[in-house]
C-alpha atoms as a PDB file:
ATOM      1  CA  UNK A   1       2.955   6.548  10.911  1.00  0.00           C
ATOM      2  CA  UNK A   2       0.034   4.458   9.769  1.00  0.00           C
ATOM      3  CA  UNK A   3       0.106   2.542   6.510  1.00  0.00           C
ATOM      4  CA  UNK A   4      -2.032   4.599   4.081  1.00  0.00           C
ATOM      5  CA  UNK A   5      -4.268   1.985   2.496  1.00  0.00           C
ATOM      6  CA  UNK A   6      -6.842   1.872  -0.287  1.00  0.00           C
ATOM      7  CA  UNK A   7      -9.489  -0.843  -0.569  1.00  0.00           C
ATOM      8  CA  UNK A   8     -11.283  -2.006  -3.699  1.00  0.00           C
ATOM      9  CA  UNK A   9     -14.084  -4.211  -2.333  1.00  0.00           C
ATOM     10  CA  UNK A  10     -17.743  -4.331  -3.351  1.00  0.00           C
ATOM     11  CA  UNK A  11     -19.120  -6.343  -0.415  1.00  0.00           C
ATOM     12  CA  UNK A  12     -20.090  -3.823   2.282  1.00  0.00           C
ATOM     13  CA  UNK A  13     -19.896  -6.335   5.141  1.00  0.00           C
ATOM     14  CA  UNK A  14     -16.417  -7.469   4.153  1.00  0.00           C
ATOM     15  CA  UNK A  15     -15.353  -3.852   3.621  1.00  0.00           C
ATOM     16  CA  UNK A  16     -16.579  -2.773   7.054  1.00  0.00           C
ATOM     17  CA  UNK A  17     -14.924  -5.731   8.783  1.00  0.00           C
ATOM     18  CA  UNK A  18     -11.653  -5.214   6.908  1.00  0.00           C
ATOM     19  CA  UNK A  19     -11.490  -1.528   7.762  1.00  0.00           C
ATOM     20  CA  UNK A  20     -12.183  -2.164  11.435  1.00  0.00           C
ATOM     21  CA  UNK A  21      -9.712  -5.017  11.759  1.00  0.00           C
ATOM     22  CA  UNK A  22      -6.925  -3.407   9.727  1.00  0.00           C
ATOM     23  CA  UNK A  23      -7.145  -0.155  11.669  1.00  0.00           C
ATOM     24  CA  UNK A  24      -7.331  -1.953  15.019  1.00  0.00           C
ATOM     25  CA  UNK A  25      -4.519  -4.475  14.721  1.00  0.00           C
ATOM     26  CA  UNK A  26      -2.255  -3.386  11.846  1.00  0.00           C
ATOM     27  CA  UNK A  27      -1.882   0.390  12.301  1.00  0.00           C
ATOM     28  CA  UNK A  28      -3.471   0.917   8.905  1.00  0.00           C
ATOM     29  CA  UNK A  29      -5.326   4.066   7.884  1.00  0.00           C
ATOM     30  CA  UNK A  30      -7.884   3.325   5.192  1.00  0.00           C
ATOM     31  CA  UNK A  31      -7.837   6.512   3.128  1.00  0.00           C
ATOM     32  CA  UNK A  32     -10.616   5.562   0.708  1.00  0.00           C
ATOM     33  CA  UNK A  33     -12.359   2.675  -0.971  1.00  0.00           C
ATOM     34  CA  UNK A  34     -14.247   1.840  -4.148  1.00  0.00           C
ATOM     35  CA  UNK A  35     -16.604  -0.786  -5.495  1.00  0.00           C
ATOM     36  CA  UNK A  36     -15.613  -0.595  -9.178  1.00  0.00           C
ATOM     37  CA  UNK A  37     -12.434  -0.892 -11.202  1.00  0.00           C
ATOM     38  CA  UNK A  38     -12.888   2.601 -12.662  1.00  0.00           C
ATOM     39  CA  UNK A  39     -13.279   4.262  -9.240  1.00  0.00           C
ATOM     40  CA  UNK A  40     -10.299   2.407  -7.804  1.00  0.00           C
ATOM     41  CA  UNK A  41      -8.053   3.091 -10.770  1.00  0.00           C
ATOM     42  CA  UNK A  42      -8.997   6.765 -10.771  1.00  0.00           C
ATOM     43  CA  UNK A  43      -8.302   7.245  -7.046  1.00  0.00           C
ATOM     44  CA  UNK A  44      -4.984   5.383  -7.158  1.00  0.00           C
ATOM     45  CA  UNK A  45      -3.855   7.424 -10.167  1.00  0.00           C
ATOM     46  CA  UNK A  46      -4.954  10.758  -8.697  1.00  0.00           C
ATOM     47  CA  UNK A  47      -3.153   9.963  -5.434  1.00  0.00           C
ATOM     48  CA  UNK A  48      -0.025   8.595  -7.085  1.00  0.00           C
ATOM     49  CA  UNK A  49       2.802   8.358  -4.565  1.00  0.00           C
ATOM     50  CA  UNK A  50       0.535   9.172  -1.611  1.00  0.00           C
ATOM     51  CA  UNK A  51      -0.561   5.668  -0.636  1.00  0.00           C
ATOM     52  CA  UNK A  52       1.361   2.689   0.692  1.00  0.00           C
ATOM     53  CA  UNK A  53      -0.940  -0.283   0.148  1.00  0.00           C
ATOM     54  CA  UNK A  54      -3.873  -1.191  -2.080  1.00  0.00           C
ATOM     55  CA  UNK A  55      -5.950  -4.238  -1.202  1.00  0.00           C
ATOM     56  CA  UNK A  56      -7.998  -5.291  -4.208  1.00  0.00           C
ATOM     57  CA  UNK A  57     -10.809  -7.821  -4.489  1.00  0.00           C
ATOM     58  CA  UNK A  58     -10.742  -9.880  -7.672  1.00  0.00           C
ATOM     59  CA  UNK A  59     -14.418  -9.428  -8.544  1.00  0.00           C
ATOM     60  CA  UNK A  60     -15.842  -5.919  -8.254  1.00  0.00           C
ATOM     61  CA  UNK A  61     -19.274  -4.437  -8.939  1.00  0.00           C
ATOM     62  CA  UNK A  62     -17.972  -3.359 -12.347  1.00  0.00           C
ATOM     63  CA  UNK A  63     -14.634  -4.421 -13.799  1.00  0.00           C
ATOM     64  CA  UNK A  64     -12.069  -6.515 -11.999  1.00  0.00           C
ATOM     65  CA  UNK A  65      -9.317  -6.299  -9.467  1.00  0.00           C
ATOM     66  CA  UNK A  66      -6.902  -7.532 -12.113  1.00  0.00           C
ATOM     67  CA  UNK A  67      -7.664  -4.368 -14.089  1.00  0.00           C
ATOM     68  CA  UNK A  68      -6.925  -2.269 -11.010  1.00  0.00           C
ATOM     69  CA  UNK A  69      -3.714  -4.210 -10.491  1.00  0.00           C
ATOM     70  CA  UNK A  70      -2.620  -3.704 -14.094  1.00  0.00           C
ATOM     71  CA  UNK A  71      -3.135   0.031 -13.668  1.00  0.00           C
ATOM     72  CA  UNK A  72      -0.700   0.077 -10.738  1.00  0.00           C
ATOM     73  CA  UNK A  73       2.298  -1.325 -12.579  1.00  0.00           C
ATOM     74  CA  UNK A  74       4.289   1.917 -12.477  1.00  0.00           C
ATOM     75  CA  UNK A  75       3.970   2.545  -8.752  1.00  0.00           C
ATOM     76  CA  UNK A  76       6.779   3.481  -6.370  1.00  0.00           C
ATOM     77  CA  UNK A  77       8.790   0.649  -4.810  1.00  0.00           C
ATOM     78  CA  UNK A  78       7.279   1.286  -1.370  1.00  0.00           C
ATOM     79  CA  UNK A  79       3.734   0.988  -2.749  1.00  0.00           C
ATOM     80  CA  UNK A  80       2.336  -2.517  -2.506  1.00  0.00           C
ATOM     81  CA  UNK A  81      -0.747  -4.003  -4.145  1.00  0.00           C
ATOM     82  CA  UNK A  82      -2.272  -7.233  -2.920  1.00  0.00           C
ATOM     83  CA  UNK A  83      -5.239  -9.225  -4.120  1.00  0.00           C
ATOM     84  CA  UNK A  84      -7.773 -10.465  -1.566  1.00  0.00           C
ATOM     85  CA  UNK A  85     -10.182 -12.968  -3.070  1.00  0.00           C
ATOM     86  CA  UNK A  86     -12.311 -16.045  -2.516  1.00  0.00           C
ATOM     87  CA  UNK A  87     -10.778 -17.473  -5.699  1.00  0.00           C
ATOM     88  CA  UNK A  88      -7.085 -17.722  -4.854  1.00  0.00           C
ATOM     89  CA  UNK A  89      -6.433 -20.583  -7.252  1.00  0.00           C
ATOM     90  CA  UNK A  90      -2.937 -21.274  -8.563  1.00  0.00           C
ATOM     91  CA  UNK A  91      -3.979 -19.744 -11.908  1.00  0.00           C
ATOM     92  CA  UNK A  92      -5.265 -16.544 -10.269  1.00  0.00           C
ATOM     93  CA  UNK A  93      -2.131 -16.298  -8.124  1.00  0.00           C
ATOM     94  CA  UNK A  94       0.062 -16.591 -11.227  1.00  0.00           C
ATOM     95  CA  UNK A  95      -2.011 -14.102 -13.228  1.00  0.00           C
ATOM     96  CA  UNK A  96      -1.927 -11.615 -10.348  1.00  0.00           C
ATOM     97  CA  UNK A  97       1.832 -12.042  -9.949  1.00  0.00           C
ATOM     98  CA  UNK A  98       2.299 -11.516 -13.696  1.00  0.00           C
ATOM     99  CA  UNK A  99       0.367  -8.233 -13.384  1.00  0.00           C
ATOM    100  CA  UNK A 100       2.583  -7.079 -10.514  1.00  0.00           C
ATOM    101  CA  UNK A 101       0.753  -8.197  -7.363  1.00  0.00           C
ATOM    102  CA  UNK A 102       2.981  -8.262  -4.327  1.00  0.00           C
ATOM    103  CA  UNK A 103       0.834 -10.975  -2.741  1.00  0.00           C
ATOM    104  CA  UNK A 104      -2.469 -12.818  -3.066  1.00  0.00           C
ATOM    105  CA  UNK A 105      -4.558 -13.783  -0.047  1.00  0.00           C
ATOM    106  CA  UNK A 106      -7.609 -16.020   0.191  1.00  0.00           C
ATOM    107  CA  UNK A 107     -10.469 -14.342   2.070  1.00  0.00           C
ATOM    108  CA  UNK A 108     -11.545 -17.545   3.779  1.00  0.00           C
ATOM    109  CA  UNK A 109      -8.213 -19.024   4.835  1.00  0.00           C
ATOM    110  CA  UNK A 110      -5.490 -16.359   4.719  1.00  0.00           C
ATOM    111  CA  UNK A 111      -6.784 -13.292   6.563  1.00  0.00           C
ATOM    112  CA  UNK A 112      -4.225 -13.750   9.338  1.00  0.00           C
ATOM    113  CA  UNK A 113      -1.502 -13.785   6.684  1.00  0.00           C
ATOM    114  CA  UNK A 114      -2.928 -10.551   5.236  1.00  0.00           C
ATOM    115  CA  UNK A 115      -2.860  -8.905   8.666  1.00  0.00           C
ATOM    116  CA  UNK A 116       0.726 -10.074   9.210  1.00  0.00           C
ATOM    117  CA  UNK A 117       1.669  -8.674   5.796  1.00  0.00           C
ATOM    118  CA  UNK A 118       0.083  -5.308   6.659  1.00  0.00           C
ATOM    119  CA  UNK A 119       1.900  -5.193   9.998  1.00  0.00           C
ATOM    120  CA  UNK A 120       5.196  -5.947   8.223  1.00  0.00           C
ATOM    121  CA  UNK A 121       4.563  -3.205   5.645  1.00  0.00           C
ATOM    122  CA  UNK A 122       3.794  -0.708   8.428  1.00  0.00           C
ATOM    123  CA  UNK A 123       7.134  -1.573  10.048  1.00  0.00           C
ATOM    124  CA  UNK A 124       8.902  -1.156   6.695  1.00  0.00           C
ATOM    125  CA  UNK A 125       7.363   2.290   6.164  1.00  0.00           C
ATOM    126  CA  UNK A 126       8.428   3.373   9.657  1.00  0.00           C
ATOM    127  CA  UNK A 127      11.958   2.098   9.051  1.00  0.00           C
ATOM    128  CA  UNK A 128      12.149   4.026   5.757  1.00  0.00           C
ATOM    129  CA  UNK A 129      10.900   7.194   7.498  1.00  0.00           C
ATOM    130  CA  UNK A 130      13.567   6.886  10.207  1.00  0.00           C
ATOM    131  CA  UNK A 131      16.266   6.336   7.592  1.00  0.00           C
ATOM    132  CA  UNK A 132      15.068   9.375   5.609  1.00  0.00           C
ATOM    133  CA  UNK A 133      15.052  11.516   8.757  1.00  0.00           C
ATOM    134  CA  UNK A 134      18.614  10.410   9.481  1.00  0.00           C
ATOM    135  CA  UNK A 135      19.710  11.265   5.924  1.00  0.00           C
ATOM    136  CA  UNK A 136      18.015  14.669   6.218  1.00  0.00           C
ATOM    137  CA  UNK A 137      19.777  15.340   9.538  1.00  0.00           C
ATOM    138  CA  UNK A 138      23.186  14.450   8.091  1.00  0.00           C
ATOM    139  CA  UNK A 139      22.560  16.683   5.073  1.00  0.00           C
ATOM    140  CA  UNK A 140      21.453  19.537   7.324  1.00  0.00           C
ATOM    141  CA  UNK A 141      24.483  19.106   9.606  1.00  0.00           C
ATOM    142  CA  UNK A 142      26.838  19.099   6.612  1.00  0.00           C
ATOM    143  CA  UNK A 143      25.238  22.264   5.216  1.00  0.00           C
ATOM    144  CA  UNK A 144      25.497  24.048   8.572  1.00  0.00           C
ATOM    145  CA  UNK A 145      29.112  22.938   9.009  1.00  0.00           C
ATOM    146  CA  UNK A 146      29.989  24.174   5.523  1.00  0.00           C
ATOM    147  CA  UNK A 147      28.275  27.485   6.153  1.00  0.00           C
ATOM    148  CA  UNK A 148      30.044  27.980   9.484  1.00  0.00           C
ATOM    149  CA  UNK A 149      33.394  26.972   7.976  1.00  0.00           C
ATOM    150  CA  UNK A 150      32.880  29.432   5.121  1.00  0.00           C
ATOM    151  CA  UNK A 151      32.303  32.292   7.566  1.00  0.00           C
ATOM    152  CA  UNK A 152      35.534  31.523   9.418  1.00  0.00           C
ATOM    153  CA  UNK A 153      37.523  31.872   6.204  1.00  0.00           C
ATOM    154  CA  UNK A 154      36.058  35.218   5.222  1.00  0.00           C
END
């Protein structure tokens, strides 16, 4: 399964390149994107629990990526939010971490690290899906066994 990803990025060239690269090398499916904090926050809230990763630029057309990040504080444990910015200073990294960012990547020097992170998250999602399928199979087998055993006693 692909990593369902949301992008908050207001630069069309960067957005296009990110979508192409993420989908090509990281098995990511970009579900939607926005250029403003309000659009991003709305989509992420409306699709609560249905996305795996949000990649958020710090500076948006209106609002900020930090506002988007703050709005994602109550997400599921499998949902990750990362900041992708040209301003990955120590202060920004700390502020983003304080708001719940799982990682911060610099657009000019850390794109390979972002791609590696996305690939790792895709593997984690697949592993969780396999584990859930195994739990479901065990539960199903136990229910069938109990049902069959109950019929033998009647």
